[in-house]
């Protein structure tokens, strides 16, 4: 299974259920965002490395505006770390794989 297959695409309808249990990093992105496109393969790599401990989801802010608004996403990429449905922390901007992995594992 490739890292791409490990990323969950979340919608306004599925978001709450997907974040309610365990640790999940949610990437709020937009298709027109250059740094978001650069972040995608990094998240795929990290998804493989944290498999079994945490998961990674993606929310397209242009298609899922209710969820983006709920979490006051004003710039992309924004990554929010959730544990059992609660926001723990967030990162804004392009980050490297090790930084993202350490960020996720801090909540496991």
PDB file of N, CA and C in Angstrom:
ATOM      1  N   UNK A   1       0.848  -1.186   0.000  1.00  0.00           N
ATOM      2  CA  UNK A   1       0.000   0.000   0.000  1.00  0.00           C
ATOM      3  C   UNK A   1       0.886   1.239   0.000  1.00  0.00           C
ATOM      4  N   UNK A   2       0.637   2.104  -0.939  1.00  0.00           N
ATOM      5  CA  UNK A   2       1.450   3.315  -1.020  1.00  0.00           C
ATOM      6  C   UNK A   2       0.999   4.326   0.014  1.00  0.00           C
ATOM      7  N   UNK A   3       1.849   5.310   0.274  1.00  0.00           N
ATOM      8  CA  UNK A   3       1.509   6.359   1.221  1.00  0.00           C
ATOM      9  C   UNK A   3       0.260   7.104   0.802  1.00  0.00           C
ATOM     10  N   UNK A   4       0.083   7.241  -0.520  1.00  0.00           N
ATOM     11  CA  UNK A   4      -1.095   7.955  -1.022  1.00  0.00           C
ATOM     12  C   UNK A   4      -2.379   7.253  -0.586  1.00  0.00           C
ATOM     13  N   UNK A   5      -2.362   5.913  -0.571  1.00  0.00           N
ATOM     14  CA  UNK A   5      -3.528   5.130  -0.161  1.00  0.00           C
ATOM     15  C   UNK A   5      -3.812   5.268   1.332  1.00  0.00           C
ATOM     16  N   UNK A   6      -2.818   5.701   2.101  1.00  0.00           N
ATOM     17  CA  UNK A   6      -2.989   5.832   3.550  1.00  0.00           C
ATOM     18  C   UNK A   6      -3.634   7.160   3.940  1.00  0.00           C
ATOM     19  N   UNK A   7      -3.669   8.123   3.018  1.00  0.00           N
ATOM     20  CA  UNK A   7      -4.261   9.425   3.322  1.00  0.00           C
ATOM     21  C   UNK A   7      -5.776   9.342   3.181  1.00  0.00           C
ATOM     22  N   UNK A   8      -6.483   9.813   4.203  1.00  0.00           N
ATOM     23  CA  UNK A   8      -7.943   9.799   4.166  1.00  0.00           C
ATOM     24  C   UNK A   8      -8.440  11.159   3.692  1.00  0.00           C
ATOM     25  N   UNK A   9      -9.312  11.154   2.706  1.00  0.00           N
ATOM     26  CA  UNK A   9      -9.899  12.411   2.242  1.00  0.00           C
ATOM     27  C   UNK A   9     -11.188  12.636   3.025  1.00  0.00           C
ATOM     28  N   UNK A  10     -11.190  13.687   3.836  1.00  0.00           N
ATOM     29  CA  UNK A  10     -12.305  13.955   4.737  1.00  0.00           C
ATOM     30  C   UNK A  10     -13.232  14.999   4.137  1.00  0.00           C
ATOM     31  N   UNK A  11     -14.501  14.847   4.438  1.00  0.00           N
ATOM     32  CA  UNK A  11     -15.510  15.798   3.967  1.00  0.00           C
ATOM     33  C   UNK A  11     -16.206  16.420   5.172  1.00  0.00           C
ATOM     34  N   UNK A  12     -17.016  17.431   4.918  1.00  0.00           N
ATOM     35  CA  UNK A  12     -17.800  18.021   5.997  1.00  0.00           C
ATOM     36  C   UNK A  12     -18.636  16.950   6.696  1.00  0.00           C
ATOM     37  N   UNK A  13     -19.116  15.967   5.927  1.00  0.00           N
ATOM     38  CA  UNK A  13     -19.981  14.918   6.480  1.00  0.00           C
ATOM     39  C   UNK A  13     -19.207  13.852   7.256  1.00  0.00           C
ATOM     40  N   UNK A  14     -17.975  13.551   6.866  1.00  0.00           N
ATOM     41  CA  UNK A  14     -17.230  12.457   7.508  1.00  0.00           C
ATOM     42  C   UNK A  14     -16.234  12.933   8.558  1.00  0.00           C
ATOM     43  N   UNK A  15     -15.968  14.236   8.607  1.00  0.00           N
ATOM     44  CA  UNK A  15     -14.883  14.770   9.435  1.00  0.00           C
ATOM     45  C   UNK A  15     -14.990  14.365  10.908  1.00  0.00           C
ATOM     46  N   UNK A  16     -16.121  14.648  11.534  1.00  0.00           N
ATOM     47  CA  UNK A  16     -16.268  14.402  12.980  1.00  0.00           C
ATOM     48  C   UNK A  16     -16.034  12.937  13.325  1.00  0.00           C
ATOM     49  N   UNK A  17     -16.561  12.019  12.516  1.00  0.00           N
ATOM     50  CA  UNK A  17     -16.392  10.588  12.788  1.00  0.00           C
ATOM     51  C   UNK A  17     -14.933  10.169  12.652  1.00  0.00           C
ATOM     52  N   UNK A  18     -14.237  10.708  11.650  1.00  0.00           N
ATOM     53  CA  UNK A  18     -12.846  10.314  11.396  1.00  0.00           C
ATOM     54  C   UNK A  18     -11.886  10.774  12.493  1.00  0.00           C
ATOM     55  N   UNK A  19     -12.182  11.890  13.152  1.00  0.00           N
ATOM     56  CA  UNK A  19     -11.238  12.393  14.157  1.00  0.00           C
ATOM     57  C   UNK A  19     -11.571  11.952  15.582  1.00  0.00           C
ATOM     58  N   UNK A  20     -12.698  11.250  15.780  1.00  0.00           N
ATOM     59  CA  UNK A  20     -13.159  10.993  17.148  1.00  0.00           C
ATOM     60  C   UNK A  20     -12.301  10.012  17.944  1.00  0.00           C
ATOM     61  N   UNK A  21     -11.575   9.110  17.270  1.00  0.00           N
ATOM     62  CA  UNK A  21     -10.767   8.115  17.995  1.00  0.00           C
ATOM     63  C   UNK A  21      -9.339   8.122  17.503  1.00  0.00           C
ATOM     64  N   UNK A  22      -8.405   8.074  18.456  1.00  0.00           N
ATOM     65  CA  UNK A  22      -7.001   7.975  18.096  1.00  0.00           C
ATOM     66  C   UNK A  22      -6.385   9.315  17.732  1.00  0.00           C
ATOM     67  N   UNK A  23      -5.197   9.227  17.120  1.00  0.00           N
ATOM     68  CA  UNK A  23      -4.441  10.415  16.722  1.00  0.00           C
ATOM     69  C   UNK A  23      -4.505  10.540  15.211  1.00  0.00           C
ATOM     70  N   UNK A  24      -4.888  11.722  14.749  1.00  0.00           N
ATOM     71  CA  UNK A  24      -4.949  11.988  13.313  1.00  0.00           C
ATOM     72  C   UNK A  24      -4.463  13.408  13.039  1.00  0.00           C
ATOM     73  N   UNK A  25      -3.588  13.516  12.051  1.00  0.00           N
ATOM     74  CA  UNK A  25      -3.141  14.824  11.567  1.00  0.00           C
ATOM     75  C   UNK A  25      -4.003  15.153  10.358  1.00  0.00           C
ATOM     76  N   UNK A  26      -4.656  16.310  10.381  1.00  0.00           N
ATOM     77  CA  UNK A  26      -5.497  16.721   9.259  1.00  0.00           C
ATOM     78  C   UNK A  26      -4.830  17.887   8.540  1.00  0.00           C
ATOM     79  N   UNK A  27      -4.584  17.675   7.247  1.00  0.00           N
ATOM     80  CA  UNK A  27      -3.985  18.698   6.387  1.00  0.00           C
ATOM     81  C   UNK A  27      -5.108  19.448   5.687  1.00  0.00           C
ATOM     82  N   UNK A  28      -5.247  20.730   5.985  1.00  0.00           N
ATOM     83  CA  UNK A  28      -6.192  21.592   5.291  1.00  0.00           C
ATOM     84  C   UNK A  28      -5.436  22.208   4.123  1.00  0.00           C
ATOM     85  N   UNK A  29      -5.911  21.959   2.908  1.00  0.00           N
ATOM     86  CA  UNK A  29      -5.166  22.353   1.711  1.00  0.00           C
ATOM     87  C   UNK A  29      -6.116  22.886   0.639  1.00  0.00           C
ATOM     88  N   UNK A  30      -5.524  23.392  -0.430  1.00  0.00           N
ATOM     89  CA  UNK A  30      -6.271  23.804  -1.617  1.00  0.00           C
ATOM     90  C   UNK A  30      -5.482  23.373  -2.852  1.00  0.00           C
ATOM     91  N   UNK A  31      -6.194  23.005  -3.907  1.00  0.00           N
ATOM     92  CA  UNK A  31      -5.533  22.553  -5.132  1.00  0.00           C
ATOM     93  C   UNK A  31      -4.658  23.637  -5.753  1.00  0.00           C
ATOM     94  N   UNK A  32      -5.024  24.905  -5.577  1.00  0.00           N
ATOM     95  CA  UNK A  32      -4.280  26.021  -6.185  1.00  0.00           C
ATOM     96  C   UNK A  32      -3.047  26.439  -5.370  1.00  0.00           C
ATOM     97  N   UNK A  33      -2.827  25.816  -4.234  1.00  0.00           N
ATOM     98  CA  UNK A  33      -1.763  26.208  -3.295  1.00  0.00           C
ATOM     99  C   UNK A  33      -0.463  25.455  -3.610  1.00  0.00           C
ATOM    100  N   UNK A  34       0.579  26.204  -4.033  1.00  0.00           N
ATOM    101  CA  UNK A  34       1.869  25.592  -4.349  1.00  0.00           C
ATOM    102  C   UNK A  34       2.495  24.832  -3.190  1.00  0.00           C
ATOM    103  N   UNK A  35       2.622  25.460  -1.997  1.00  0.00           N
ATOM    104  CA  UNK A  35       3.186  24.732  -0.858  1.00  0.00           C
ATOM    105  C   UNK A  35       2.366  23.490  -0.487  1.00  0.00           C
ATOM    106  N   UNK A  36       1.056  23.530  -0.702  1.00  0.00           N
ATOM    107  CA  UNK A  36       0.216  22.361  -0.419  1.00  0.00           C
ATOM    108  C   UNK A  36       0.611  21.198  -1.337  1.00  0.00           C
ATOM    109  N   UNK A  37       0.856  21.503  -2.611  1.00  0.00           N
ATOM    110  CA  UNK A  37       1.258  20.461  -3.559  1.00  0.00           C
ATOM    111  C   UNK A  37       2.629  19.902  -3.191  1.00  0.00           C
ATOM    112  N   UNK A  38       3.507  20.755  -2.682  1.00  0.00           N
ATOM    113  CA  UNK A  38       4.834  20.293  -2.259  1.00  0.00           C
ATOM    114  C   UNK A  38       4.739  19.428  -0.996  1.00  0.00           C
ATOM    115  N   UNK A  39       3.741  19.699  -0.168  1.00  0.00           N
ATOM    116  CA  UNK A  39       3.563  18.964   1.085  1.00  0.00           C
ATOM    117  C   UNK A  39       2.986  17.568   0.859  1.00  0.00           C
ATOM    118  N   UNK A  40       2.205  17.382  -0.210  1.00  0.00           N
ATOM    119  CA  UNK A  40       1.500  16.117  -0.449  1.00  0.00           C
ATOM    120  C   UNK A  40       2.416  14.882  -0.406  1.00  0.00           C
ATOM    121  N   UNK A  41       3.536  14.848  -1.150  1.00  0.00           N
ATOM    122  CA  UNK A  41       4.380  13.642  -1.082  1.00  0.00           C
ATOM    123  C   UNK A  41       5.049  13.462   0.288  1.00  0.00           C
ATOM    124  N   UNK A  42       5.285  14.546   0.993  1.00  0.00           N
ATOM    125  CA  UNK A  42       5.851  14.461   2.344  1.00  0.00           C
ATOM    126  C   UNK A  42       4.847  13.775   3.269  1.00  0.00           C
ATOM    127  N   UNK A  43       3.578  14.171   3.156  1.00  0.00           N
ATOM    128  CA  UNK A  43       2.543  13.546   3.993  1.00  0.00           C
ATOM    129  C   UNK A  43       2.353  12.077   3.644  1.00  0.00           C
ATOM    130  N   UNK A  44       2.478  11.741   2.362  1.00  0.00           N
ATOM    131  CA  UNK A  44       2.382  10.337   1.954  1.00  0.00           C
ATOM    132  C   UNK A  44       3.494   9.517   2.603  1.00  0.00           C
ATOM    133  N   UNK A  45       4.699  10.058   2.610  1.00  0.00           N
ATOM    134  CA  UNK A  45       5.842   9.376   3.241  1.00  0.00           C
ATOM    135  C   UNK A  45       5.594   9.199   4.738  1.00  0.00           C
ATOM    136  N   UNK A  46       5.187  10.275   5.409  1.00  0.00           N
ATOM    137  CA  UNK A  46       4.970  10.227   6.855  1.00  0.00           C
ATOM    138  C   UNK A  46       3.825   9.273   7.198  1.00  0.00           C
ATOM    139  N   UNK A  47       2.788   9.226   6.372  1.00  0.00           N
ATOM    140  CA  UNK A  47       1.652   8.329   6.625  1.00  0.00           C
ATOM    141  C   UNK A  47       2.128   6.879   6.732  1.00  0.00           C
ATOM    142  N   UNK A  48       3.060   6.504   5.861  1.00  0.00           N
ATOM    143  CA  UNK A  48       3.618   5.158   5.911  1.00  0.00           C
ATOM    144  C   UNK A  48       4.443   4.930   7.173  1.00  0.00           C
ATOM    145  N   UNK A  49       5.147   5.959   7.613  1.00  0.00           N
ATOM    146  CA  UNK A  49       6.028   5.837   8.773  1.00  0.00           C
ATOM    147  C   UNK A  49       5.255   5.800  10.102  1.00  0.00           C
ATOM    148  N   UNK A  50       4.085   6.419  10.156  1.00  0.00           N
ATOM    149  CA  UNK A  50       3.320   6.449  11.421  1.00  0.00           C
ATOM    150  C   UNK A  50       2.148   5.468  11.407  1.00  0.00           C
ATOM    151  N   UNK A  51       2.046   4.680  10.334  1.00  0.00           N
ATOM    152  CA  UNK A  51       0.941   3.724  10.202  1.00  0.00           C
ATOM    153  C   UNK A  51       0.866   2.835  11.446  1.00  0.00           C
ATOM    154  N   UNK A  52      -0.334   2.650  11.966  1.00  0.00           N
ATOM    155  CA  UNK A  52      -0.523   1.839  13.160  1.00  0.00           C
ATOM    156  C   UNK A  52      -0.481   2.663  14.440  1.00  0.00           C
ATOM    157  N   UNK A  53       0.117   3.848  14.370  1.00  0.00           N
ATOM    158  CA  UNK A  53       0.186   4.729  15.541  1.00  0.00           C
ATOM    159  C   UNK A  53      -0.731   5.933  15.381  1.00  0.00           C
ATOM    160  N   UNK A  54      -0.829   6.425  14.145  1.00  0.00           N
ATOM    161  CA  UNK A  54      -1.623   7.621  13.855  1.00  0.00           C
ATOM    162  C   UNK A  54      -2.020   7.574  12.392  1.00  0.00           C
ATOM    163  N   UNK A  55      -2.935   8.435  12.019  1.00  0.00           N
ATOM    164  CA  UNK A  55      -3.328   8.506  10.613  1.00  0.00           C
ATOM    165  C   UNK A  55      -3.271   9.952  10.141  1.00  0.00           C
ATOM    166  N   UNK A  56      -3.368  10.113   8.827  1.00  0.00           N
ATOM    167  CA  UNK A  56      -3.319  11.446   8.236  1.00  0.00           C
ATOM    168  C   UNK A  56      -4.522  11.607   7.321  1.00  0.00           C
ATOM    169  N   UNK A  57      -5.197  12.739   7.502  1.00  0.00           N
ATOM    170  CA  UNK A  57      -6.343  13.053   6.667  1.00  0.00           C
ATOM    171  C   UNK A  57      -6.117  14.362   5.940  1.00  0.00           C
ATOM    172  N   UNK A  58      -6.900  14.575   4.879  1.00  0.00           N
ATOM    173  CA  UNK A  58      -6.792  15.804   4.095  1.00  0.00           C
ATOM    174  C   UNK A  58      -8.181  16.403   3.926  1.00  0.00           C
ATOM    175  N   UNK A  59      -8.253  17.728   4.046  1.00  0.00           N
ATOM    176  CA  UNK A  59      -9.505  18.445   3.823  1.00  0.00           C
ATOM    177  C   UNK A  59      -9.245  19.539   2.793  1.00  0.00           C
ATOM    178  N   UNK A  60      -9.956  19.480   1.676  1.00  0.00           N
ATOM    179  CA  UNK A  60      -9.856  20.511   0.649  1.00  0.00           C
ATOM    180  C   UNK A  60     -10.743  21.677   1.087  1.00  0.00           C
ATOM    181  N   UNK A  61     -10.126  22.811   1.409  1.00  0.00           N
ATOM    182  CA  UNK A  61     -10.881  23.933   1.975  1.00  0.00           C
ATOM    183  C   UNK A  61     -11.867  24.537   0.983  1.00  0.00           C
ATOM    184  N   UNK A  62     -11.637  24.351  -0.305  1.00  0.00           N
ATOM    185  CA  UNK A  62     -12.559  24.891  -1.302  1.00  0.00           C
ATOM    186  C   UNK A  62     -13.828  24.048  -1.421  1.00  0.00           C
ATOM    187  N   UNK A  63     -13.712  22.761  -1.129  1.00  0.00           N
ATOM    188  CA  UNK A  63     -14.867  21.857  -1.234  1.00  0.00           C
ATOM    189  C   UNK A  63     -15.543  21.634   0.117  1.00  0.00           C
ATOM    190  N   UNK A  64     -14.803  21.734   1.197  1.00  0.00           N
ATOM    191  CA  UNK A  64     -15.327  21.452   2.539  1.00  0.00           C
ATOM    192  C   UNK A  64     -15.238  22.713   3.393  1.00  0.00           C
ATOM    193  N   UNK A  65     -15.926  23.750   2.947  1.00  0.00           N
ATOM    194  CA  UNK A  65     -15.789  25.060   3.594  1.00  0.00           C
ATOM    195  C   UNK A  65     -16.352  25.095   5.017  1.00  0.00           C
ATOM    196  N   UNK A  66     -17.336  24.261   5.308  1.00  0.00           N
ATOM    197  CA  UNK A  66     -17.909  24.235   6.660  1.00  0.00           C
ATOM    198  C   UNK A  66     -16.840  23.819   7.682  1.00  0.00           C
ATOM    199  N   UNK A  67     -16.111  22.762   7.372  1.00  0.00           N
ATOM    200  CA  UNK A  67     -15.069  22.273   8.277  1.00  0.00           C
ATOM    201  C   UNK A  67     -13.923  23.274   8.359  1.00  0.00           C
ATOM    202  N   UNK A  68     -13.517  23.829   7.225  1.00  0.00           N
ATOM    203  CA  UNK A  68     -12.438  24.819   7.213  1.00  0.00           C
ATOM    204  C   UNK A  68     -12.816  26.031   8.053  1.00  0.00           C
ATOM    205  N   UNK A  69     -14.046  26.459   7.948  1.00  0.00           N
ATOM    206  CA  UNK A  69     -14.532  27.604   8.723  1.00  0.00           C
ATOM    207  C   UNK A  69     -14.591  27.279  10.208  1.00  0.00           C
ATOM    208  N   UNK A  70     -15.043  26.081  10.534  1.00  0.00           N
ATOM    209  CA  UNK A  70     -15.166  25.647  11.932  1.00  0.00           C
ATOM    210  C   UNK A  70     -13.815  25.742  12.651  1.00  0.00           C
ATOM    211  N   UNK A  71     -12.738  25.431  11.948  1.00  0.00           N
ATOM    212  CA  UNK A  71     -11.402  25.446  12.554  1.00  0.00           C
ATOM    213  C   UNK A  71     -10.621  26.714  12.200  1.00  0.00           C
ATOM    214  N   UNK A  72     -11.307  27.703  11.672  1.00  0.00           N
ATOM    215  CA  UNK A  72     -10.740  29.025  11.386  1.00  0.00           C
ATOM    216  C   UNK A  72      -9.449  28.932  10.568  1.00  0.00           C
ATOM    217  N   UNK A  73      -9.526  28.185   9.482  1.00  0.00           N
ATOM    218  CA  UNK A  73      -8.379  28.044   8.584  1.00  0.00           C
ATOM    219  C   UNK A  73      -8.286  29.304   7.727  1.00  0.00           C
ATOM    220  N   UNK A  74      -7.225  30.079   7.929  1.00  0.00           N
ATOM    221  CA  UNK A  74      -7.058  31.325   7.187  1.00  0.00           C
ATOM    222  C   UNK A  74      -5.901  31.259   6.200  1.00  0.00           C
ATOM    223  N   UNK A  75      -5.019  30.277   6.346  1.00  0.00           N
ATOM    224  CA  UNK A  75      -3.946  30.092   5.377  1.00  0.00           C
ATOM    225  C   UNK A  75      -3.694  28.601   5.209  1.00  0.00           C
ATOM    226  N   UNK A  76      -3.228  28.241   4.026  1.00  0.00           N
ATOM    227  CA  UNK A  76      -2.936  26.841   3.749  1.00  0.00           C
ATOM    228  C   UNK A  76      -1.505  26.718   3.244  1.00  0.00           C
ATOM    229  N   UNK A  77      -0.839  25.600   3.550  1.00  0.00           N
ATOM    230  CA  UNK A  77      -1.378  24.478   4.304  1.00  0.00           C
ATOM    231  C   UNK A  77      -1.388  24.745   5.816  1.00  0.00           C
ATOM    232  N   UNK A  78      -2.437  24.265   6.452  1.00  0.00           N
ATOM    233  CA  UNK A  78      -2.515  24.236   7.910  1.00  0.00           C
ATOM    234  C   UNK A  78      -2.754  22.789   8.300  1.00  0.00           C
ATOM    235  N   UNK A  79      -1.948  22.276   9.220  1.00  0.00           N
ATOM    236  CA  UNK A  79      -2.110  20.905   9.701  1.00  0.00           C
ATOM    237  C   UNK A  79      -2.519  20.964  11.168  1.00  0.00           C
ATOM    238  N   UNK A  80      -3.631  20.309  11.476  1.00  0.00           N
ATOM    239  CA  UNK A  80      -4.115  20.268  12.853  1.00  0.00           C
ATOM    240  C   UNK A  80      -4.015  18.834  13.354  1.00  0.00           C
ATOM    241  N   UNK A  81      -3.445  18.693  14.547  1.00  0.00           N
ATOM    242  CA  UNK A  81      -3.291  17.387  15.169  1.00  0.00           C
ATOM    243  C   UNK A  81      -4.430  17.177  16.159  1.00  0.00           C
ATOM    244  N   UNK A  82      -5.168  16.089  15.970  1.00  0.00           N
ATOM    245  CA  UNK A  82      -6.289  15.752  16.847  1.00  0.00           C
ATOM    246  C   UNK A  82      -5.995  14.462  17.594  1.00  0.00           C
ATOM    247  N   UNK A  83      -6.446  14.393  18.835  1.00  0.00           N
ATOM    248  CA  UNK A  83      -6.390  13.153  19.606  1.00  0.00           C
ATOM    249  C   UNK A  83      -7.757  12.957  20.233  1.00  0.00           C
ATOM    250  N   UNK A  84      -8.390  11.841  19.886  1.00  0.00           N
ATOM    251  CA  UNK A  84      -9.729  11.508  20.382  1.00  0.00           C
ATOM    252  C   UNK A  84     -10.706  12.668  20.206  1.00  0.00           C
ATOM    253  N   UNK A  85     -10.655  13.286  19.031  1.00  0.00           N
ATOM    254  CA  UNK A  85     -11.609  14.327  18.682  1.00  0.00           C
ATOM    255  C   UNK A  85     -11.277  15.728  19.140  1.00  0.00           C
ATOM    256  N   UNK A  86     -10.199  15.889  19.893  1.00  0.00           N
ATOM    257  CA  UNK A  86      -9.833  17.212  20.417  1.00  0.00           C
ATOM    258  C   UNK A  86      -8.579  17.732  19.708  1.00  0.00           C
ATOM    259  N   UNK A  87      -8.596  19.022  19.372  1.00  0.00           N
ATOM    260  CA  UNK A  87      -7.408  19.627  18.767  1.00  0.00           C
ATOM    261  C   UNK A  87      -6.314  19.742  19.814  1.00  0.00           C
ATOM    262  N   UNK A  88      -5.132  19.253  19.468  1.00  0.00           N
ATOM    263  CA  UNK A  88      -3.987  19.320  20.372  1.00  0.00           C
ATOM    264  C   UNK A  88      -3.062  20.470  19.989  1.00  0.00           C
ATOM    265  N   UNK A  89      -2.808  20.581  18.676  1.00  0.00           N
ATOM    266  CA  UNK A  89      -1.830  21.559  18.212  1.00  0.00           C
ATOM    267  C   UNK A  89      -2.000  21.750  16.708  1.00  0.00           C
ATOM    268  N   UNK A  90      -1.348  22.780  16.163  1.00  0.00           N
ATOM    269  CA  UNK A  90      -1.397  22.987  14.714  1.00  0.00           C
ATOM    270  C   UNK A  90      -0.080  23.523  14.191  1.00  0.00           C
ATOM    271  N   UNK A  91       0.167  23.212  12.936  1.00  0.00           N
ATOM    272  CA  UNK A  91       1.330  23.713  12.206  1.00  0.00           C
ATOM    273  C   UNK A  91       0.806  24.460  10.986  1.00  0.00           C
ATOM    274  N   UNK A  92       1.416  25.582  10.657  1.00  0.00           N
ATOM    275  CA  UNK A  92       1.029  26.329   9.460  1.00  0.00           C
ATOM    276  C   UNK A  92       2.242  26.428   8.547  1.00  0.00           C
ATOM    277  N   UNK A  93       2.026  26.134   7.269  1.00  0.00           N
ATOM    278  CA  UNK A  93       3.101  26.242   6.293  1.00  0.00           C
ATOM    279  C   UNK A  93       3.749  24.908   5.986  1.00  0.00           C
ATOM    280  N   UNK A  94       4.674  24.950   5.056  1.00  0.00           N
ATOM    281  CA  UNK A  94       5.377  23.763   4.590  1.00  0.00           C
ATOM    282  C   UNK A  94       6.401  23.330   5.636  1.00  0.00           C
ATOM    283  N   UNK A  95       6.375  22.070   6.010  1.00  0.00           N
ATOM    284  CA  UNK A  95       7.324  21.511   6.980  1.00  0.00           C
ATOM    285  C   UNK A  95       7.976  20.273   6.377  1.00  0.00           C
ATOM    286  N   UNK A  96       9.117  19.869   6.946  1.00  0.00           N
ATOM    287  CA  UNK A  96       9.789  18.671   6.431  1.00  0.00           C
ATOM    288  C   UNK A  96       9.216  17.406   7.080  1.00  0.00           C
ATOM    289  N   UNK A  97       9.538  16.258   6.490  1.00  0.00           N
ATOM    290  CA  UNK A  97       8.970  14.983   6.928  1.00  0.00           C
ATOM    291  C   UNK A  97       9.286  14.690   8.395  1.00  0.00           C
ATOM    292  N   UNK A  98      10.533  14.888   8.799  1.00  0.00           N
ATOM    293  CA  UNK A  98      10.907  14.574  10.188  1.00  0.00           C
ATOM    294  C   UNK A  98      10.157  15.466  11.165  1.00  0.00           C
ATOM    295  N   UNK A  99      10.026  16.742  10.837  1.00  0.00           N
ATOM    296  CA  UNK A  99       9.298  17.656  11.703  1.00  0.00           C
ATOM    297  C   UNK A  99       7.845  17.256  11.867  1.00  0.00           C
ATOM    298  N   UNK A 100       7.212  16.846  10.774  1.00  0.00           N
ATOM    299  CA  UNK A 100       5.808  16.425  10.824  1.00  0.00           C
ATOM    300  C   UNK A 100       5.672  15.122  11.602  1.00  0.00           C
ATOM    301  N   UNK A 101       6.586  14.193  11.359  1.00  0.00           N
ATOM    302  CA  UNK A 101       6.544  12.910  12.070  1.00  0.00           C
ATOM    303  C   UNK A 101       6.698  13.116  13.574  1.00  0.00           C
ATOM    304  N   UNK A 102       7.667  13.930  13.972  1.00  0.00           N
ATOM    305  CA  UNK A 102       7.874  14.222  15.404  1.00  0.00           C
ATOM    306  C   UNK A 102       6.632  14.891  15.997  1.00  0.00           C
ATOM    307  N   UNK A 103       6.030  15.796  15.247  1.00  0.00           N
ATOM    308  CA  UNK A 103       4.827  16.505  15.676  1.00  0.00           C
ATOM    309  C   UNK A 103       3.689  15.516  15.953  1.00  0.00           C
ATOM    310  N   UNK A 104       3.514  14.573  15.034  1.00  0.00           N
ATOM    311  CA  UNK A 104       2.453  13.555  15.201  1.00  0.00           C
ATOM    312  C   UNK A 104       2.754  12.660  16.391  1.00  0.00           C
ATOM    313  N   UNK A 105       3.982  12.165  16.458  1.00  0.00           N
ATOM    314  CA  UNK A 105       4.330  11.190  17.502  1.00  0.00           C
ATOM    315  C   UNK A 105       4.323  11.810  18.896  1.00  0.00           C
ATOM    316  N   UNK A 106       4.385  13.122  18.989  1.00  0.00           N
ATOM    317  CA  UNK A 106       4.311  13.784  20.301  1.00  0.00           C
ATOM    318  C   UNK A 106       2.951  13.559  20.959  1.00  0.00           C
ATOM    319  N   UNK A 107       1.957  13.174  20.179  1.00  0.00           N
ATOM    320  CA  UNK A 107       0.604  12.975  20.716  1.00  0.00           C
ATOM    321  C   UNK A 107       0.253  11.506  20.917  1.00  0.00           C
ATOM    322  N   UNK A 108       1.134  10.621  20.462  1.00  0.00           N
ATOM    323  CA  UNK A 108       0.817   9.178  20.527  1.00  0.00           C
ATOM    324  C   UNK A 108       1.075   8.649  21.923  1.00  0.00           C
TER     325      UNK A 108
END
